[in-house]
């Protein structure tokens, strides 16, 4: 159960691109996190519905595939009528239910960071100013 929680946190951070928050003020950071959580929960909710329709476990359904399918189907649903929307919703659920995670017995993953910080200074001025400073040093 704890492993599932860790996987969910990783999914929330990486698959929703929440690794780096873009807002600066504490109030906006709270709102940004709330939007990520809302998005995550909505995708999970659709995944639960898809798993129920297919009679499968929701833990075996791919979050990333579900999120992508929802994004694609949303465009079609905006352009369709009420009856077509119901049909598309059912097709979406069936499509998500087919996106199962592969079985990987004996899988071992190292617990280490792959990306290392680069030994470069932070860009603290506009890029055009930094370019001019470099050109001035070279001249």
Protein backbone atom coordinates (compact mmCIF):
# COMPACT_ATOMS: atom_id res chain seq x y z
CA UNK A 1 0.00 0.00 0.00
CA UNK A 2 2.87 2.39 0.82
CA UNK A 3 4.50 1.56 -2.51
CA UNK A 4 1.30 2.61 -4.31
CA UNK A 5 1.34 5.93 -2.46
CA UNK A 6 4.96 6.52 -3.51
CA UNK A 7 4.10 5.66 -7.12
CA UNK A 8 1.12 8.04 -6.97
CA UNK A 9 3.31 10.88 -5.69
CA UNK A 10 5.85 10.21 -8.45
CA UNK A 11 3.07 10.13 -11.04
CA UNK A 12 1.64 13.37 -9.70
CA UNK A 13 5.00 15.11 -9.94
CA UNK A 14 6.36 13.76 -13.21
CA UNK A 15 3.38 12.88 -15.39
CA UNK A 16 1.54 16.12 -14.65
CA UNK A 17 4.81 18.10 -15.03
CA UNK A 18 4.65 19.36 -11.45
CA UNK A 19 8.40 18.88 -10.86
CA UNK A 20 9.04 22.62 -11.09
CA UNK A 21 6.39 25.04 -9.87
CA UNK A 22 6.23 28.20 -11.97
CA UNK A 23 4.47 30.60 -9.63
CA UNK A 24 6.37 32.90 -7.28
CA UNK A 25 3.98 34.04 -4.55
CA UNK A 26 2.83 31.60 -1.83
CA UNK A 27 -0.84 32.15 -2.70
CA UNK A 28 -0.28 31.34 -6.38
CA UNK A 29 1.85 28.29 -5.51
CA UNK A 30 -1.06 26.98 -3.43
CA UNK A 31 -3.40 27.52 -6.37
CA UNK A 32 -0.98 25.86 -8.78
CA UNK A 33 -0.70 22.79 -6.53
CA UNK A 34 -4.49 22.71 -6.17
CA UNK A 35 -4.90 22.67 -9.96
CA UNK A 36 -2.38 19.82 -10.28
CA UNK A 37 -4.22 17.84 -7.60
CA UNK A 38 -7.56 18.51 -9.27
CA UNK A 39 -6.21 17.36 -12.63
CA UNK A 40 -4.68 14.24 -11.09
CA UNK A 41 -7.90 13.34 -9.27
CA UNK A 42 -10.06 13.89 -12.36
CA UNK A 43 -7.86 11.59 -14.43
CA UNK A 44 -7.91 8.97 -11.64
CA UNK A 45 -11.72 9.28 -11.45
CA UNK A 46 -12.05 8.57 -15.18
CA UNK A 47 -9.60 5.67 -14.78
CA UNK A 48 -11.79 4.17 -12.04
CA UNK A 49 -14.84 4.42 -14.30
CA UNK A 50 -12.91 2.80 -17.17
CA UNK A 51 -11.71 -0.03 -14.94
CA UNK A 52 -15.27 -0.65 -13.71
CA UNK A 53 -16.63 -0.76 -17.28
CA UNK A 54 -13.92 -3.27 -18.29
CA UNK A 55 -13.99 -5.25 -15.04
CA UNK A 56 -10.28 -4.64 -14.40
CA UNK A 57 -8.23 -3.29 -11.51
CA UNK A 58 -7.58 0.44 -11.70
CA UNK A 59 -3.99 -0.18 -10.50
CA UNK A 60 -3.30 -1.97 -13.79
CA UNK A 61 -4.35 1.01 -15.96
CA UNK A 62 -1.70 3.46 -17.21
CA UNK A 63 -2.10 7.00 -15.85
CA UNK A 64 -0.08 8.58 -18.64
CA UNK A 65 -2.07 6.85 -21.38
CA UNK A 66 -5.34 7.79 -19.68
CA UNK A 67 -4.29 11.45 -19.43
CA UNK A 68 -3.32 11.55 -23.11
CA UNK A 69 -6.53 9.89 -24.24
CA UNK A 70 -8.64 12.30 -22.17
CA UNK A 71 -6.79 15.22 -23.77
CA UNK A 72 -7.38 13.88 -27.30
CA UNK A 73 -11.03 12.98 -26.71
CA UNK A 74 -11.76 16.38 -25.11
CA UNK A 75 -11.19 18.09 -28.46
CA UNK A 76 -13.63 15.75 -30.20
CA UNK A 77 -16.24 16.11 -27.47
CA UNK A 78 -16.22 19.91 -27.74
CA UNK A 79 -17.07 19.61 -31.44
CA UNK A 80 -19.80 16.97 -31.13
CA UNK A 81 -23.48 16.92 -30.21
CA UNK A 82 -25.03 15.47 -27.06
CA UNK A 83 -25.60 11.96 -28.42
CA UNK A 84 -22.11 11.82 -29.93
CA UNK A 85 -20.64 12.93 -26.59
CA UNK A 86 -22.19 9.93 -24.82
CA UNK A 87 -20.80 7.60 -27.46
CA UNK A 88 -17.37 9.24 -27.28
CA UNK A 89 -17.39 8.98 -23.48
CA UNK A 90 -18.00 5.23 -23.70
CA UNK A 91 -15.30 4.83 -26.37
CA UNK A 92 -12.92 6.83 -24.15
CA UNK A 93 -13.58 4.57 -21.16
CA UNK A 94 -13.05 1.44 -23.25
CA UNK A 95 -9.86 2.90 -24.75
CA UNK A 96 -8.46 3.76 -21.32
CA UNK A 97 -9.30 0.27 -20.04
CA UNK A 98 -7.15 -1.19 -22.84
CA UNK A 99 -4.08 0.78 -21.72
CA UNK A 100 -2.81 -1.74 -19.22
CA UNK A 101 0.56 -1.59 -17.53
CA UNK A 102 2.90 -4.44 -18.50
CA UNK A 103 3.79 -7.15 -16.00
CA UNK A 104 7.46 -6.80 -15.03
CA UNK A 105 8.39 -9.59 -12.62
CA UNK A 106 11.84 -9.41 -11.08
CA UNK A 107 12.27 -5.77 -12.05
CA UNK A 108 14.96 -3.97 -10.08
CA UNK A 109 15.54 -0.23 -10.17
CA UNK A 110 18.45 1.60 -8.53
CA UNK A 111 17.54 4.24 -5.94
CA UNK A 112 19.81 7.00 -7.23
CA UNK A 113 19.49 10.27 -9.07
CA UNK A 114 20.44 10.10 -12.71
CA UNK A 115 20.51 13.81 -13.38
CA UNK A 116 23.24 15.70 -11.65
CA UNK A 117 23.27 19.46 -11.24
CA UNK A 118 25.39 21.15 -13.85
CA UNK A 119 28.28 23.31 -12.60
CA UNK A 120 26.95 26.43 -14.32
CA UNK A 121 26.06 29.76 -12.83
CA UNK A 122 22.42 30.80 -12.68
CA UNK A 123 21.18 33.21 -15.33
CA UNK A 124 20.23 36.18 -13.14
CA UNK A 125 19.95 38.84 -15.85
CA UNK A 126 18.04 38.89 -19.14
CA UNK A 127 19.64 36.67 -21.79
CA UNK A 128 20.42 39.63 -24.07
CA UNK A 129 22.35 41.35 -21.24
CA UNK A 130 24.29 38.15 -20.53
CA UNK A 131 25.21 37.86 -24.22
CA UNK A 132 26.50 41.42 -24.28
CA UNK A 133 28.63 40.78 -21.18
CA UNK A 134 30.16 37.69 -22.81
CA UNK A 135 30.89 39.63 -26.02
CA UNK A 136 32.46 42.45 -23.98
CA UNK A 137 34.75 39.96 -22.17
CA UNK A 138 35.84 38.40 -25.47
CA UNK A 139 36.63 41.75 -27.03
